Protein backbone atom coordinates (compact mmCIF):
# COMPACT_ATOMS: atom_id res chain seq x y z
CA MET A 1 124.00 -52.86 85.49
CA GLU A 2 126.75 -50.63 86.84
CA GLN A 3 126.32 -46.82 86.74
CA PRO A 4 129.02 -44.78 84.94
CA SER A 5 131.33 -42.84 87.23
CA GLU A 6 131.34 -39.02 87.42
CA SER A 7 134.38 -38.77 85.17
CA GLU A 8 132.79 -41.10 82.60
CA ARG A 9 129.66 -38.89 82.54
CA GLY A 10 131.80 -35.75 82.13
CA GLN A 11 131.01 -34.48 85.63
CA GLY A 12 134.37 -35.03 87.28
CA PRO A 13 136.77 -32.36 88.48
CA ALA A 14 137.82 -31.47 84.92
CA ALA A 15 134.28 -31.24 83.53
CA GLY A 16 133.57 -27.93 81.84
CA ARG A 17 137.24 -26.92 81.63
CA LYS A 18 138.59 -26.16 78.22
CA VAL A 19 142.19 -26.55 77.17
CA LEU A 20 143.82 -23.19 76.58
CA LEU A 21 146.37 -23.02 73.77
CA HIS A 22 148.26 -19.94 74.95
CA PRO A 23 149.89 -21.58 78.00
CA LEU A 24 150.96 -24.48 75.79
CA LEU A 25 152.24 -22.33 72.93
CA VAL A 26 154.31 -19.95 75.07
CA THR A 27 156.61 -22.82 75.96
CA VAL A 28 158.16 -22.48 72.49
CA PRO A 29 159.36 -18.85 72.69
CA VAL A 30 160.19 -19.11 76.40
CA GLY A 31 162.25 -22.25 75.82
CA CYS A 32 163.98 -20.78 72.76
CA TRP A 33 164.85 -17.51 74.48
CA ILE A 34 166.10 -19.08 77.69
CA ALA A 35 168.14 -21.64 75.74
CA GLY A 36 169.50 -18.77 73.63
CA ALA A 37 170.65 -16.93 76.76
CA VAL A 38 172.33 -20.11 78.02
CA PHE A 39 174.08 -20.53 74.66
CA ASP A 40 175.20 -16.89 74.84
CA VAL A 41 176.90 -17.59 78.18
CA VAL A 42 178.39 -20.85 76.89
CA SER A 43 179.77 -19.10 73.80
CA ARG A 44 182.03 -17.05 76.08
CA ALA A 45 183.80 -20.21 77.33
CA ALA A 46 183.48 -22.60 74.38
CA THR A 47 186.42 -23.66 72.25
CA ARG A 48 184.23 -23.18 69.15
CA PRO A 49 182.07 -20.21 70.17
CA GLY A 50 180.65 -19.61 66.70
CA GLU A 51 178.42 -22.65 66.96
CA PHE A 52 176.77 -21.35 70.12
CA THR A 53 176.56 -17.79 68.78
CA THR A 54 174.83 -19.01 65.62
CA ALA A 55 172.53 -21.34 67.54
CA SER A 56 171.46 -18.58 69.93
CA THR A 57 170.68 -16.29 66.98
CA TRP A 58 168.45 -18.97 65.47
CA LEU A 59 166.78 -19.57 68.84
CA VAL A 60 165.96 -15.88 69.20
CA ALA A 61 164.42 -15.87 65.70
CA LEU A 62 162.40 -19.04 66.35
CA GLY A 63 161.26 -17.57 69.66
CA LEU A 64 159.95 -14.48 67.88
CA ILE A 65 157.89 -16.59 65.47
CA GLY A 66 156.55 -18.68 68.34
CA ALA A 67 155.74 -15.55 70.38
CA VAL A 68 153.58 -14.11 67.62
CA VAL A 69 151.59 -17.36 67.36
CA ALA A 70 151.27 -17.68 71.15
CA GLY A 71 150.31 -14.01 71.46
CA LEU A 72 147.49 -14.36 68.95
CA ALA A 73 146.15 -17.39 70.81
CA GLY A 74 146.40 -15.53 74.12
CA PHE A 75 144.56 -12.52 72.76
CA VAL A 76 141.71 -14.65 71.43
CA GLU A 77 141.49 -16.59 74.69
CA SER A 78 141.36 -13.34 76.69
CA LEU A 79 138.26 -12.01 74.89
CA PRO A 80 135.79 -13.55 77.40
CA ILE A 81 137.51 -11.86 80.38
CA PRO A 82 135.07 -9.19 81.66
CA VAL A 83 136.36 -5.64 81.14
CA GLY A 84 137.06 -3.90 84.44
CA SER A 85 137.66 -7.13 86.34
CA VAL A 86 140.87 -7.88 88.22
CA ALA A 87 141.67 -10.53 85.60
CA HIS A 88 141.24 -7.97 82.81
CA ARG A 89 143.55 -5.47 84.51
CA ARG A 90 146.15 -8.20 84.91
CA PHE A 91 145.66 -9.17 81.28
CA VAL A 92 146.40 -5.60 80.17
CA VAL A 93 149.60 -5.54 82.23
CA HIS A 94 150.60 -8.94 80.81
CA LEU A 95 149.83 -7.80 77.26
CA MET A 96 151.98 -4.68 77.66
CA LEU A 97 154.88 -6.65 79.13
CA ALA A 98 154.59 -9.39 76.49
CA SER A 99 154.60 -6.77 73.72
CA MET A 100 157.68 -5.19 75.28
CA VAL A 101 159.40 -8.59 75.42
CA ILE A 102 158.73 -9.16 71.73
CA VAL A 103 160.17 -5.73 70.86
CA LEU A 104 163.22 -6.38 73.06
CA TYR A 105 163.88 -9.71 71.35
CA MET A 106 163.43 -8.09 67.91
CA VAL A 107 166.13 -5.58 68.89
CA ASP A 108 168.20 -8.48 70.25
CA TYR A 109 167.89 -10.31 66.93
CA LEU A 110 168.83 -7.23 64.89
CA MET A 111 171.87 -6.66 67.12
CA ARG A 112 172.92 -10.27 66.55
CA LEU A 113 172.86 -9.77 62.78
CA GLY A 114 175.60 -7.15 63.19
CA ALA A 115 177.77 -9.30 65.48
CA PRO A 116 180.46 -11.62 64.08
CA PRO A 117 178.98 -15.17 63.97
CA ASP A 118 182.32 -16.92 64.43
CA ARG A 119 183.15 -15.30 67.79
CA PRO A 120 181.64 -15.36 71.28
CA VAL A 121 178.57 -13.22 71.81
CA PRO A 122 179.80 -9.66 72.53
CA THR A 123 179.58 -8.55 76.17
CA GLY A 124 176.96 -5.87 75.52
CA LEU A 125 174.72 -8.33 73.68
CA LEU A 126 175.19 -10.91 76.43
CA VAL A 127 174.08 -8.40 79.08
CA PHE A 128 171.10 -7.37 76.91
CA SER A 129 170.14 -11.03 76.42
CA LEU A 130 170.26 -11.72 80.16
CA ALA A 131 168.23 -8.56 80.91
CA ASN A 132 165.63 -9.70 78.36
CA THR A 133 165.44 -13.03 80.19
CA VAL A 134 164.62 -11.23 83.45
CA VAL A 135 161.82 -9.25 81.76
CA LEU A 136 160.58 -12.51 80.21
CA VAL A 137 160.36 -14.21 83.62
CA VAL A 138 158.43 -11.25 85.08
CA THR A 139 156.05 -11.40 82.13
CA MET A 140 155.50 -15.12 82.71
CA GLY A 141 154.56 -14.33 86.31
CA THR A 142 151.90 -11.86 85.21
CA GLY A 143 150.47 -14.48 82.86
CA ALA A 144 150.23 -16.98 85.70
CA ALA A 145 148.47 -14.36 87.83
CA ILE A 146 145.78 -13.93 85.16
CA ARG A 147 145.12 -17.64 85.09
CA ALA A 148 144.87 -17.79 88.88
CA THR A 149 142.38 -14.88 88.96
CA SER A 150 140.14 -16.01 86.12
CA ARG A 151 139.32 -19.45 87.54
């Protein structure tokens, strides 16, 4: 009779690894916010800018909801990281940046509520949206650094 392979016995390269929800869940707010920034830029050149302005407002709102869910999952998944370790210090930096990103996008959303929905995104809001995207990308990098350190 043939012996089961390592992967069939659960001893292969992926044995003992658990699937983390946070890296999967953050794709929702990141995708929404980046798509929102793209729509903001497109609204400046579109023949019907209101559609892109409205869509980007909805994307910012959906991103906020997704960020709260992803953040809760990330916090729970970070609990086993030993306090004082390099991974924990990186987690604290990531948590502070992620919290700042959420606040920035809340401000972004509130600013959008005061902007006319049938016109292109105002220049100031466009610049703010693009700046938020830069902070978002930096925050993503700190999250990746945590994962690389905690393996």
